[in-house]
Amino acid sequence: MDNQYDILEPLKETTEQYIKATIELSKLKILETITNVTTSLVAKIAVVLIFSMFLLIFNIGIAFMLGDYIGKTYYGFFIVAGFYLMAGAIFHFFLHNWIKEPVSNLIINKALQENNNAEHTLL
């Protein structure tokens, strides 16, 4: 009876170590995927912020230019604001899914791509 216990004990320890290693590996894969997706999104957000700053300053310039043509500076700002109100309404009512779906797909594809890359490096 002791002989069976002696044989099963190393098997039990090896199985426990394997399970612990598998869990740790899964945690590291998830962490790598989250890190890669996050850094990719941060880079894209940085580009969007820089482009947004350009658009802000450009629109202020257009508002002043239109205001000079019309004769009252604040009219230029009203015109630019009205343009963005209409563009926002169009985006909200017609193009919301056009923007939402590609962004969601980008995040999912990036996560799956990183997960596949991690599996290939382990093989």
C-alpha atoms as a PDB file:
ATOM      1  CA  MET A   1       0.000   0.000   0.000  1.00  0.00           C
ATOM      2  CA  ASP A   2       2.833   2.362   0.789  1.00  0.00           C
ATOM      3  CA  ASN A   3       4.327   1.520  -2.581  1.00  0.00           C
ATOM      4  CA  GLN A   4       1.231   2.850  -4.418  1.00  0.00           C
ATOM      5  CA  TYR A   5       1.283   6.010  -2.343  1.00  0.00           C
ATOM      6  CA  ASP A   6       4.968   6.535  -3.161  1.00  0.00           C
ATOM      7  CA  ILE A   7       4.223   6.224  -6.864  1.00  0.00           C
ATOM      8  CA  LEU A   8       1.194   8.554  -6.848  1.00  0.00           C
ATOM      9  CA  GLU A   9       2.721  11.297  -4.701  1.00  0.00           C
ATOM     10  CA  PRO A  10       5.272  12.496  -7.335  1.00  0.00           C
ATOM     11  CA  LEU A  11       2.542  12.324  -9.978  1.00  0.00           C
ATOM     12  CA  LYS A  12       0.285  14.473  -7.798  1.00  0.00           C
ATOM     13  CA  GLU A  13       3.069  17.030  -7.210  1.00  0.00           C
ATOM     14  CA  THR A  14       3.922  17.136 -10.916  1.00  0.00           C
ATOM     15  CA  THR A  15       0.256  17.646 -11.801  1.00  0.00           C
ATOM     16  CA  GLU A  16      -0.067  20.481  -9.280  1.00  0.00           C
ATOM     17  CA  GLN A  17       3.065  22.150 -10.647  1.00  0.00           C
ATOM     18  CA  TYR A  18       1.750  21.771 -14.190  1.00  0.00           C
ATOM     19  CA  ILE A  19      -1.597  23.336 -13.261  1.00  0.00           C
ATOM     20  CA  LYS A  20       0.129  26.225 -11.473  1.00  0.00           C
ATOM     21  CA  ALA A  21       2.452  26.790 -14.433  1.00  0.00           C
ATOM     22  CA  THR A  22      -0.473  26.707 -16.870  1.00  0.00           C
ATOM     23  CA  ILE A  23      -2.406  29.255 -14.807  1.00  0.00           C
ATOM     24  CA  GLU A  24       0.649  31.506 -14.558  1.00  0.00           C
ATOM     25  CA  LEU A  25       1.250  31.228 -18.316  1.00  0.00           C
ATOM     26  CA  SER A  26      -2.382  32.140 -18.994  1.00  0.00           C
ATOM     27  CA  LYS A  27      -2.078  35.176 -16.735  1.00  0.00           C
ATOM     28  CA  LEU A  28       1.069  36.288 -18.556  1.00  0.00           C
ATOM     29  CA  LYS A  29      -0.575  35.834 -21.967  1.00  0.00           C
ATOM     30  CA  ILE A  30      -3.556  37.921 -20.861  1.00  0.00           C
ATOM     31  CA  LEU A  31      -1.241  40.578 -19.441  1.00  0.00           C
ATOM     32  CA  GLU A  32       0.754  40.699 -22.686  1.00  0.00           C
ATOM     33  CA  THR A  33      -2.422  41.022 -24.751  1.00  0.00           C
ATOM     34  CA  ILE A  34      -3.794  43.788 -22.542  1.00  0.00           C
ATOM     35  CA  THR A  35      -0.463  45.611 -22.633  1.00  0.00           C
ATOM     36  CA  ASN A  36      -0.185  45.421 -26.424  1.00  0.00           C
ATOM     37  CA  VAL A  37      -3.770  46.536 -26.992  1.00  0.00           C
ATOM     38  CA  THR A  38      -3.398  49.384 -24.492  1.00  0.00           C
ATOM     39  CA  THR A  39      -0.138  50.668 -25.973  1.00  0.00           C
ATOM     40  CA  SER A  40      -1.615  50.491 -29.460  1.00  0.00           C
ATOM     41  CA  LEU A  41      -4.657  52.476 -28.343  1.00  0.00           C
ATOM     42  CA  VAL A  42      -2.528  55.027 -26.488  1.00  0.00           C
ATOM     43  CA  ALA A  43      -0.497  55.634 -29.649  1.00  0.00           C
ATOM     44  CA  LYS A  44      -3.653  56.102 -31.702  1.00  0.00           C
ATOM     45  CA  ILE A  45      -5.162  58.387 -29.061  1.00  0.00           C
ATOM     46  CA  ALA A  46      -2.006  60.524 -29.095  1.00  0.00           C
ATOM     47  CA  VAL A  47      -2.316  60.958 -32.870  1.00  0.00           C
ATOM     48  CA  VAL A  48      -6.001  61.834 -32.509  1.00  0.00           C
ATOM     49  CA  LEU A  49      -5.198  64.429 -29.819  1.00  0.00           C
ATOM     50  CA  ILE A  50      -2.531  66.078 -31.956  1.00  0.00           C
ATOM     51  CA  PHE A  51      -4.862  66.126 -34.947  1.00  0.00           C
ATOM     52  CA  SER A  52      -7.624  67.538 -32.729  1.00  0.00           C
ATOM     53  CA  MET A  53      -5.369  70.373 -31.609  1.00  0.00           C
ATOM     54  CA  PHE A  54      -4.618  71.148 -35.256  1.00  0.00           C
ATOM     55  CA  LEU A  55      -8.349  71.190 -36.061  1.00  0.00           C
ATOM     56  CA  LEU A  56      -9.103  73.409 -33.071  1.00  0.00           C
ATOM     57  CA  ILE A  57      -6.554  76.030 -34.056  1.00  0.00           C
ATOM     58  CA  PHE A  58      -7.522  75.750 -37.726  1.00  0.00           C
ATOM     59  CA  ASN A  59     -11.195  76.281 -36.863  1.00  0.00           C
ATOM     60  CA  ILE A  60     -10.406  79.297 -34.730  1.00  0.00           C
ATOM     61  CA  GLY A  61      -8.566  80.734 -37.725  1.00  0.00           C
ATOM     62  CA  ILE A  62     -11.520  80.022 -40.021  1.00  0.00           C
ATOM     63  CA  ALA A  63     -13.902  81.618 -37.505  1.00  0.00           C
ATOM     64  CA  PHE A  64     -11.793  84.784 -37.373  1.00  0.00           C
ATOM     65  CA  MET A  65     -11.490  84.849 -41.163  1.00  0.00           C
ATOM     66  CA  LEU A  66     -15.256  84.464 -41.648  1.00  0.00           C
ATOM     67  CA  GLY A  67     -15.863  87.071 -38.961  1.00  0.00           C
ATOM     68  CA  ASP A  68     -13.602  89.520 -40.820  1.00  0.00           C
ATOM     69  CA  TYR A  69     -15.466  88.913 -44.092  1.00  0.00           C
ATOM     70  CA  ILE A  70     -18.863  89.381 -42.452  1.00  0.00           C
ATOM     71  CA  GLY A  71     -17.817  92.319 -40.302  1.00  0.00           C
ATOM     72  CA  LYS A  72     -18.445  90.854 -36.843  1.00  0.00           C
ATOM     73  CA  THR A  73     -15.942  88.378 -35.417  1.00  0.00           C
ATOM     74  CA  TYR A  74     -18.467  86.484 -33.330  1.00  0.00           C
ATOM     75  CA  TYR A  75     -20.552  85.697 -36.429  1.00  0.00           C
ATOM     76  CA  GLY A  76     -17.635  83.646 -37.720  1.00  0.00           C
ATOM     77  CA  PHE A  77     -17.632  81.609 -34.528  1.00  0.00           C
ATOM     78  CA  PHE A  78     -21.400  81.106 -34.779  1.00  0.00           C
ATOM     79  CA  ILE A  79     -21.042  79.831 -38.342  1.00  0.00           C
ATOM     80  CA  VAL A  80     -18.268  77.386 -37.413  1.00  0.00           C
ATOM     81  CA  ALA A  81     -20.237  76.219 -34.350  1.00  0.00           C
ATOM     82  CA  GLY A  82     -23.343  75.700 -36.498  1.00  0.00           C
ATOM     83  CA  PHE A  83     -21.315  73.640 -38.952  1.00  0.00           C
ATOM     84  CA  TYR A  84     -20.102  71.391 -36.135  1.00  0.00           C
ATOM     85  CA  LEU A  85     -23.612  71.129 -34.702  1.00  0.00           C
ATOM     86  CA  MET A  86     -24.866  69.822 -38.045  1.00  0.00           C
ATOM     87  CA  ALA A  87     -21.882  67.493 -38.440  1.00  0.00           C
ATOM     88  CA  GLY A  88     -22.427  66.154 -34.906  1.00  0.00           C
ATOM     89  CA  ALA A  89     -26.104  65.521 -35.591  1.00  0.00           C
ATOM     90  CA  ILE A  90     -25.258  63.658 -38.812  1.00  0.00           C
ATOM     91  CA  PHE A  91     -22.676  61.536 -36.983  1.00  0.00           C
ATOM     92  CA  HIS A  92     -25.064  60.808 -34.150  1.00  0.00           C
ATOM     93  CA  PHE A  93     -28.019  59.789 -36.271  1.00  0.00           C
ATOM     94  CA  PHE A  94     -26.419  58.251 -39.346  1.00  0.00           C
ATOM     95  CA  LEU A  95     -22.762  57.384 -38.804  1.00  0.00           C
ATOM     96  CA  HIS A  96     -22.708  56.170 -35.182  1.00  0.00           C
ATOM     97  CA  ASN A  97     -22.510  52.503 -36.236  1.00  0.00           C
ATOM     98  CA  TRP A  98     -20.077  53.418 -38.991  1.00  0.00           C
ATOM     99  CA  ILE A  99     -17.616  54.560 -36.322  1.00  0.00           C
ATOM    100  CA  LYS A 100     -18.511  52.164 -33.490  1.00  0.00           C
ATOM    101  CA  GLU A 101     -18.130  48.944 -35.439  1.00  0.00           C
ATOM    102  CA  PRO A 102     -14.631  49.590 -36.886  1.00  0.00           C
ATOM    103  CA  VAL A 103     -13.287  50.713 -33.496  1.00  0.00           C
ATOM    104  CA  SER A 104     -14.704  47.611 -31.808  1.00  0.00           C
ATOM    105  CA  ASN A 105     -13.279  45.397 -34.552  1.00  0.00           C
ATOM    106  CA  LEU A 106      -9.890  47.095 -34.229  1.00  0.00           C
ATOM    107  CA  ILE A 107      -9.710  46.331 -30.512  1.00  0.00           C
ATOM    108  CA  ILE A 108     -10.897  42.732 -30.941  1.00  0.00           C
ATOM    109  CA  ASN A 109      -8.573  42.031 -33.880  1.00  0.00           C
ATOM    110  CA  LYS A 110      -5.604  43.521 -32.043  1.00  0.00           C
ATOM    111  CA  ALA A 111      -6.338  41.366 -28.977  1.00  0.00           C
ATOM    112  CA  LEU A 112      -6.743  38.207 -31.071  1.00  0.00           C
ATOM    113  CA  GLN A 113      -3.636  38.995 -33.119  1.00  0.00           C
ATOM    114  CA  GLU A 114      -1.546  39.408 -29.978  1.00  0.00           C
ATOM    115  CA  ASN A 115      -2.984  36.204 -28.544  1.00  0.00           C
ATOM    116  CA  ASN A 116      -2.081  34.277 -31.730  1.00  0.00           C
ATOM    117  CA  ASN A 117       1.416  35.773 -31.738  1.00  0.00           C
ATOM    118  CA  ALA A 118       1.929  34.661 -28.144  1.00  0.00           C
ATOM    119  CA  GLU A 119       0.844  31.105 -29.004  1.00  0.00           C
ATOM    120  CA  HIS A 120       3.232  30.923 -31.971  1.00  0.00           C
ATOM    121  CA  THR A 121       6.188  32.094 -29.900  1.00  0.00           C
ATOM    122  CA  LEU A 122       5.550  29.340 -27.357  1.00  0.00           C
ATOM    123  CA  LEU A 123       5.521  26.605 -30.005  1.00  0.00           C
END
